[in-house]
Amino acid sequence: MSDPATNLAILLWACDPDDPVRLATPFFHASAAAAMGAQVEVYFTARSVLLLKPGVAESLYAATDRRKSIHGYMREAVALGARFFACGDALAAQGLSRDALVPEATGLAGAVSFIDRVMDPGWRTLTY
């Protein structure tokens, strides 16, 4: 019997900055898992890489009360230990470079890295 999974990889695929009401939940889950002691990795793909562009997540709110920006939720997850990875191909498709990302971005990692987590019995995955 394999060891129970103690880590969480989150894939942000359909998290589009044009629909901010859907953007807080992945970071709530990342924060919760990290607070429970899990190693957490968040993979930004497709248009979700735009959340790593300075100024974008800071200007987005999931609720009309505007108490906390999406960037605020992202910072909380990072403060608890979550690591953020941008897909290089998605960055190129959006006209972004690694050097132009928010400080919370850990580095680059794409499909192979995420699939490695999917295949690892020590990891569980969520896709948004």
N, C-alpha and C. Protein backbone atom coordinates (compact mmCIF):
# COMPACT_ATOMS: atom_id res chain seq x y z
N MET A 1 0.84 -1.18 0.00
CA MET A 1 0.00 0.00 0.00
C MET A 1 0.88 1.24 0.00
N SER A 2 0.55 2.22 -0.84
CA SER A 2 1.38 3.42 -0.93
C SER A 2 1.06 4.37 0.22
N ASP A 3 2.00 5.25 0.48
CA ASP A 3 1.80 6.27 1.51
C ASP A 3 0.66 7.19 1.10
N PRO A 4 -0.08 7.70 2.07
CA PRO A 4 -1.16 8.63 1.71
C PRO A 4 -0.58 9.92 1.12
N ALA A 5 -1.35 10.50 0.23
CA ALA A 5 -0.92 11.75 -0.39
C ALA A 5 -0.87 12.85 0.66
N THR A 6 0.19 13.61 0.63
CA THR A 6 0.34 14.72 1.58
C THR A 6 0.61 16.04 0.86
N ASN A 7 0.50 16.03 -0.46
CA ASN A 7 0.82 17.22 -1.24
C ASN A 7 -0.29 17.50 -2.24
N LEU A 8 -0.38 18.76 -2.67
CA LEU A 8 -1.44 19.17 -3.58
C LEU A 8 -0.89 20.02 -4.71
N ALA A 9 -1.19 19.62 -5.93
CA ALA A 9 -0.86 20.41 -7.12
C ALA A 9 -2.17 20.92 -7.71
N ILE A 10 -2.22 22.22 -7.95
CA ILE A 10 -3.42 22.86 -8.49
C ILE A 10 -3.11 23.40 -9.87
N LEU A 11 -3.94 23.04 -10.83
CA LEU A 11 -3.80 23.53 -12.20
C LEU A 11 -4.86 24.61 -12.45
N LEU A 12 -4.41 25.80 -12.80
CA LEU A 12 -5.31 26.89 -13.17
C LEU A 12 -5.35 26.95 -14.68
N TRP A 13 -6.41 26.40 -15.24
CA TRP A 13 -6.56 26.34 -16.68
C TRP A 13 -7.67 27.26 -17.17
N ALA A 14 -8.81 27.24 -16.50
CA ALA A 14 -9.95 28.07 -16.92
C ALA A 14 -10.14 29.28 -16.02
N CYS A 15 -9.13 29.65 -15.27
CA CYS A 15 -9.19 30.82 -14.40
C CYS A 15 -8.80 32.05 -15.20
N ASP A 16 -9.80 32.66 -15.78
CA ASP A 16 -9.59 33.79 -16.68
C ASP A 16 -9.79 35.11 -15.92
N PRO A 17 -8.85 36.03 -16.02
CA PRO A 17 -9.01 37.32 -15.35
C PRO A 17 -10.29 38.07 -15.77
N ASP A 18 -10.87 37.72 -16.90
CA ASP A 18 -12.11 38.36 -17.33
C ASP A 18 -13.32 37.88 -16.52
N ASP A 19 -13.14 36.86 -15.67
CA ASP A 19 -14.23 36.32 -14.85
C ASP A 19 -13.74 36.20 -13.40
N PRO A 20 -13.51 37.33 -12.73
CA PRO A 20 -12.86 37.31 -11.41
C PRO A 20 -13.65 36.62 -10.31
N VAL A 21 -14.95 36.46 -10.46
CA VAL A 21 -15.73 35.80 -9.42
C VAL A 21 -15.27 34.37 -9.18
N ARG A 22 -14.62 33.77 -10.16
CA ARG A 22 -14.15 32.38 -10.05
C ARG A 22 -12.70 32.27 -9.57
N LEU A 23 -12.06 33.36 -9.24
CA LEU A 23 -10.62 33.32 -9.02
C LEU A 23 -10.17 33.12 -7.57
N ALA A 24 -11.00 33.37 -6.60
CA ALA A 24 -10.55 33.25 -5.21
C ALA A 24 -10.45 31.80 -4.74
N THR A 25 -11.37 30.95 -5.18
CA THR A 25 -11.44 29.58 -4.67
C THR A 25 -10.15 28.78 -4.80
N PRO A 26 -9.46 28.81 -5.94
CA PRO A 26 -8.21 28.03 -6.00
C PRO A 26 -7.19 28.47 -4.95
N PHE A 27 -7.17 29.76 -4.65
CA PHE A 27 -6.20 30.25 -3.67
C PHE A 27 -6.65 29.97 -2.24
N PHE A 28 -7.99 29.92 -1.99
CA PHE A 28 -8.50 29.44 -0.70
C PHE A 28 -8.04 28.01 -0.48
N HIS A 29 -8.21 27.17 -1.50
CA HIS A 29 -7.82 25.76 -1.37
C HIS A 29 -6.32 25.61 -1.20
N ALA A 30 -5.54 26.40 -1.93
CA ALA A 30 -4.08 26.36 -1.77
C ALA A 30 -3.69 26.74 -0.35
N SER A 31 -4.31 27.79 0.17
CA SER A 31 -4.02 28.23 1.55
C SER A 31 -4.41 27.17 2.56
N ALA A 32 -5.59 26.58 2.39
CA ALA A 32 -6.06 25.56 3.33
C ALA A 32 -5.11 24.37 3.35
N ALA A 33 -4.72 23.89 2.18
CA ALA A 33 -3.82 22.73 2.12
C ALA A 33 -2.46 23.06 2.73
N ALA A 34 -1.95 24.24 2.43
CA ALA A 34 -0.65 24.64 2.99
C ALA A 34 -0.74 24.77 4.51
N ALA A 35 -1.85 25.32 5.01
CA ALA A 35 -2.03 25.46 6.45
C ALA A 35 -2.12 24.09 7.13
N MET A 36 -2.55 23.08 6.39
CA MET A 36 -2.63 21.72 6.92
C MET A 36 -1.30 20.98 6.80
N GLY A 37 -0.29 21.65 6.30
CA GLY A 37 1.04 21.05 6.22
C GLY A 37 1.39 20.43 4.88
N ALA A 38 0.53 20.55 3.90
CA ALA A 38 0.82 19.99 2.58
C ALA A 38 1.78 20.89 1.82
N GLN A 39 2.60 20.27 1.02
CA GLN A 39 3.37 21.01 0.02
C GLN A 39 2.37 21.36 -1.07
N VAL A 40 2.32 22.63 -1.49
CA VAL A 40 1.34 23.07 -2.48
C VAL A 40 2.04 23.74 -3.64
N GLU A 41 1.68 23.32 -4.85
CA GLU A 41 2.17 23.94 -6.08
C GLU A 41 0.97 24.36 -6.91
N VAL A 42 1.00 25.58 -7.40
CA VAL A 42 -0.07 26.09 -8.26
C VAL A 42 0.53 26.35 -9.63
N TYR A 43 -0.05 25.71 -10.65
CA TYR A 43 0.43 25.83 -12.02
C TYR A 43 -0.51 26.74 -12.80
N PHE A 44 0.01 27.85 -13.29
CA PHE A 44 -0.74 28.83 -14.06
C PHE A 44 -0.57 28.53 -15.54
N THR A 45 -1.67 28.24 -16.23
CA THR A 45 -1.64 27.93 -17.66
C THR A 45 -2.63 28.83 -18.39
N ALA A 46 -2.64 28.73 -19.70
CA ALA A 46 -3.58 29.49 -20.54
C ALA A 46 -3.62 30.95 -20.07
N ARG A 47 -4.81 31.55 -20.02
CA ARG A 47 -4.92 32.96 -19.64
C ARG A 47 -4.71 33.21 -18.15
N SER A 48 -4.65 32.16 -17.35
CA SER A 48 -4.41 32.37 -15.92
C SER A 48 -3.04 32.96 -15.65
N VAL A 49 -2.09 32.80 -16.58
CA VAL A 49 -0.76 33.41 -16.37
C VAL A 49 -0.86 34.92 -16.27
N LEU A 50 -1.93 35.50 -16.79
CA LEU A 50 -2.11 36.95 -16.67
C LEU A 50 -2.24 37.39 -15.22
N LEU A 51 -2.65 36.49 -14.33
CA LEU A 51 -2.72 36.81 -12.90
C LEU A 51 -1.34 37.07 -12.32
N LEU A 52 -0.31 36.60 -12.99
CA LEU A 52 1.07 36.80 -12.53
C LEU A 52 1.69 38.07 -13.09
N LYS A 53 0.96 38.79 -13.92
CA LYS A 53 1.44 40.05 -14.47
C LYS A 53 1.19 41.15 -13.43
N PRO A 54 2.20 41.93 -13.10
CA PRO A 54 2.01 42.98 -12.09
C PRO A 54 0.81 43.87 -12.43
N GLY A 55 0.00 44.11 -11.41
CA GLY A 55 -1.16 44.98 -11.54
C GLY A 55 -2.45 44.30 -11.90
N VAL A 56 -2.40 43.09 -12.46
CA VAL A 56 -3.63 42.43 -12.89
C VAL A 56 -4.42 41.90 -11.69
N ALA A 57 -3.85 41.00 -10.92
CA ALA A 57 -4.57 40.41 -9.78
C ALA A 57 -4.90 41.46 -8.72
N GLU A 58 -4.08 42.50 -8.63
CA GLU A 58 -4.34 43.56 -7.66
C GLU A 58 -5.63 44.31 -7.97
N SER A 59 -6.03 44.31 -9.22
CA SER A 59 -7.21 45.07 -9.64
C SER A 59 -8.48 44.21 -9.73
N LEU A 60 -8.37 42.92 -9.39
CA LEU A 60 -9.50 42.00 -9.51
C LEU A 60 -10.06 41.61 -8.14
N TYR A 61 -11.38 41.53 -8.07
CA TYR A 61 -12.07 41.16 -6.84
C TYR A 61 -13.12 40.10 -7.15
N ALA A 62 -13.21 39.08 -6.29
CA ALA A 62 -14.19 38.02 -6.49
C ALA A 62 -15.56 38.39 -5.95
N ALA A 63 -15.61 39.37 -5.06
CA ALA A 63 -16.87 39.78 -4.44
C ALA A 63 -17.09 41.27 -4.64
N THR A 64 -18.32 41.67 -4.61
CA THR A 64 -18.65 43.09 -4.83
C THR A 64 -18.23 43.98 -3.68
N ASP A 65 -17.98 43.42 -2.48
CA ASP A 65 -17.57 44.26 -1.36
C ASP A 65 -16.12 44.74 -1.46
N ARG A 66 -15.36 44.15 -2.37
CA ARG A 66 -13.99 44.55 -2.68
C ARG A 66 -13.10 44.65 -1.43
N ARG A 67 -13.31 43.75 -0.46
CA ARG A 67 -12.49 43.76 0.75
C ARG A 67 -11.07 43.26 0.50
N LYS A 68 -10.94 42.30 -0.40
CA LYS A 68 -9.62 41.73 -0.67
C LYS A 68 -9.51 41.43 -2.15
N SER A 69 -8.39 41.84 -2.74
CA SER A 69 -8.15 41.57 -4.16
C SER A 69 -7.74 40.11 -4.34
N ILE A 70 -7.80 39.66 -5.57
CA ILE A 70 -7.31 38.32 -5.89
C ILE A 70 -5.84 38.21 -5.52
N HIS A 71 -5.10 39.27 -5.72
CA HIS A 71 -3.69 39.26 -5.33
C HIS A 71 -3.54 39.05 -3.83
N GLY A 72 -4.46 39.59 -3.04
CA GLY A 72 -4.43 39.36 -1.60
C GLY A 72 -4.58 37.88 -1.26
N TYR A 73 -5.49 37.19 -1.95
CA TYR A 73 -5.65 35.75 -1.75
C TYR A 73 -4.39 34.99 -2.18
N MET A 74 -3.81 35.44 -3.27
CA MET A 74 -2.58 34.81 -3.76
C MET A 74 -1.46 34.98 -2.74
N ARG A 75 -1.30 36.18 -2.20
CA ARG A 75 -0.25 36.45 -1.20
C ARG A 75 -0.43 35.58 0.03
N GLU A 76 -1.68 35.39 0.47
CA GLU A 76 -1.93 34.54 1.63
C GLU A 76 -1.46 33.11 1.37
N ALA A 77 -1.75 32.58 0.20
CA ALA A 77 -1.32 31.22 -0.13
C ALA A 77 0.20 31.11 -0.13
N VAL A 78 0.87 32.10 -0.70
CA VAL A 78 2.33 32.09 -0.73
C VAL A 78 2.89 32.21 0.69
N ALA A 79 2.29 33.05 1.51
CA ALA A 79 2.76 33.22 2.89
C ALA A 79 2.67 31.90 3.67
N LEU A 80 1.73 31.05 3.30
CA LEU A 80 1.59 29.74 3.95
C LEU A 80 2.46 28.66 3.32
N GLY A 81 3.16 29.02 2.24
CA GLY A 81 4.11 28.08 1.64
C GLY A 81 3.80 27.62 0.24
N ALA A 82 2.68 28.02 -0.33
CA ALA A 82 2.37 27.61 -1.71
C ALA A 82 3.39 28.20 -2.67
N ARG A 83 3.67 27.44 -3.71
CA ARG A 83 4.60 27.89 -4.75
C ARG A 83 3.84 28.03 -6.05
N PHE A 84 4.13 29.11 -6.78
CA PHE A 84 3.45 29.41 -8.04
C PHE A 84 4.37 29.21 -9.22
N PHE A 85 3.89 28.44 -10.22
CA PHE A 85 4.66 28.18 -11.42
C PHE A 85 3.90 28.62 -12.66
N ALA A 86 4.58 29.31 -13.54
CA ALA A 86 3.98 29.76 -14.80
C ALA A 86 4.40 28.83 -15.93
N CYS A 87 3.46 28.51 -16.80
CA CYS A 87 3.76 27.74 -18.01
C CYS A 87 4.46 28.65 -19.01
N GLY A 88 5.62 28.24 -19.46
CA GLY A 88 6.38 29.04 -20.42
C GLY A 88 5.64 29.28 -21.72
N ASP A 89 4.96 28.26 -22.23
CA ASP A 89 4.20 28.42 -23.47
C ASP A 89 3.04 29.39 -23.28
N ALA A 90 2.37 29.32 -22.13
CA ALA A 90 1.27 30.25 -21.85
C ALA A 90 1.79 31.68 -21.72
N LEU A 91 2.94 31.84 -21.10
CA LEU A 91 3.53 33.18 -21.02
C LEU A 91 3.78 33.74 -22.41
N ALA A 92 4.38 32.92 -23.26
CA ALA A 92 4.68 33.36 -24.63
C ALA A 92 3.39 33.71 -25.37
N ALA A 93 2.35 32.91 -25.19
CA ALA A 93 1.08 33.16 -25.88
C ALA A 93 0.44 34.47 -25.43
N GLN A 94 0.73 34.88 -24.19
CA GLN A 94 0.16 36.12 -23.66
C GLN A 94 1.14 37.30 -23.78
N GLY A 95 2.29 37.06 -24.42
CA GLY A 95 3.27 38.13 -24.62
C GLY A 95 3.99 38.54 -23.35
N LEU A 96 4.15 37.59 -22.41
CA LEU A 96 4.83 37.88 -21.14
C LEU A 96 6.16 37.15 -21.07
N SER A 97 7.04 37.66 -20.24
CA SER A 97 8.32 36.98 -20.00
C SER A 97 8.45 36.70 -18.51
N ARG A 98 9.27 35.74 -18.16
CA ARG A 98 9.51 35.36 -16.76
C ARG A 98 9.97 36.56 -15.95
N ASP A 99 10.74 37.44 -16.55
CA ASP A 99 11.28 38.59 -15.83
C ASP A 99 10.22 39.63 -15.48
N ALA A 100 9.05 39.54 -16.08
CA ALA A 100 8.00 40.55 -15.89
C ALA A 100 6.85 40.04 -15.01
N LEU A 101 7.13 39.10 -14.11
CA LEU A 101 6.07 38.54 -13.28
C LEU A 101 6.15 39.06 -11.84
N VAL A 102 5.05 38.93 -11.12
CA VAL A 102 5.01 39.34 -9.72
C VAL A 102 6.03 38.53 -8.91
N PRO A 103 6.49 39.07 -7.80
CA PRO A 103 7.49 38.35 -6.99
C PRO A 103 7.01 37.00 -6.46
N GLU A 104 5.71 36.81 -6.35
CA GLU A 104 5.18 35.54 -5.85
C GLU A 104 5.40 34.38 -6.81
N ALA A 105 5.69 34.66 -8.06
CA ALA A 105 5.94 33.59 -9.04
C ALA A 105 7.28 32.92 -8.73
N THR A 106 7.22 31.62 -8.46
CA THR A 106 8.41 30.86 -8.09
C THR A 106 9.31 30.59 -9.29
N GLY A 107 8.70 30.26 -10.42
CA GLY A 107 9.48 29.91 -11.59
C GLY A 107 8.60 29.40 -12.70
N LEU A 108 9.24 28.72 -13.64
CA LEU A 108 8.52 28.16 -14.79
C LEU A 108 8.35 26.66 -14.62
N ALA A 109 7.19 26.16 -14.97
CA ALA A 109 6.92 24.73 -15.00
C ALA A 109 5.65 24.54 -15.80
N GLY A 110 5.66 23.54 -16.66
CA GLY A 110 4.52 23.33 -17.54
C GLY A 110 3.90 21.96 -17.41
N ALA A 111 3.47 21.46 -18.55
CA ALA A 111 2.71 20.21 -18.60
C ALA A 111 3.47 19.03 -18.00
N VAL A 112 4.74 18.90 -18.32
CA VAL A 112 5.50 17.74 -17.82
C VAL A 112 5.58 17.78 -16.29
N SER A 113 5.82 18.95 -15.73
CA SER A 113 5.90 19.06 -14.27
C SER A 113 4.57 18.73 -13.61
N PHE A 114 3.47 19.25 -14.18
CA PHE A 114 2.16 18.97 -13.59
C PHE A 114 1.81 17.49 -13.73
N ILE A 115 2.05 16.91 -14.89
CA ILE A 115 1.74 15.48 -15.08
C ILE A 115 2.60 14.62 -14.16
N ASP A 116 3.81 15.04 -13.89
CA ASP A 116 4.65 14.32 -12.93
C ASP A 116 3.96 14.28 -11.57
N ARG A 117 3.34 15.37 -11.19
CA ARG A 117 2.60 15.40 -9.92
C ARG A 117 1.36 14.51 -9.99
N VAL A 118 0.66 14.55 -11.10
CA VAL A 118 -0.55 13.73 -11.27
C VAL A 118 -0.20 12.25 -11.11
N MET A 119 0.93 11.84 -11.63
CA MET A 119 1.33 10.43 -11.62
C MET A 119 1.95 9.99 -10.29
N ASP A 120 2.31 10.92 -9.44
CA ASP A 120 2.97 10.63 -8.18
C ASP A 120 1.92 10.31 -7.11
N PRO A 121 1.97 9.13 -6.48
CA PRO A 121 0.97 8.78 -5.49
C PRO A 121 0.99 9.66 -4.24
N GLY A 122 2.04 10.41 -4.04
CA GLY A 122 2.13 11.31 -2.90
C GLY A 122 1.45 12.65 -3.13
N TRP A 123 0.87 12.82 -4.30
CA TRP A 123 0.23 14.09 -4.66
C TRP A 123 -1.21 13.87 -5.06
N ARG A 124 -2.03 14.85 -4.75
CA ARG A 124 -3.39 14.94 -5.26
C ARG A 124 -3.45 16.20 -6.10
N THR A 125 -4.40 16.25 -7.02
CA THR A 125 -4.48 17.40 -7.91
C THR A 125 -5.91 17.94 -7.98
N LEU A 126 -5.99 19.24 -8.20
CA LEU A 126 -7.25 19.93 -8.47
C LEU A 126 -7.05 20.76 -9.72
N THR A 127 -8.09 20.88 -10.50
CA THR A 127 -8.03 21.69 -11.72
C THR A 127 -9.18 22.69 -11.71
N TYR A 128 -8.83 23.93 -11.97
CA TYR A 128 -9.82 25.02 -12.04
C TYR A 128 -9.76 25.65 -13.41
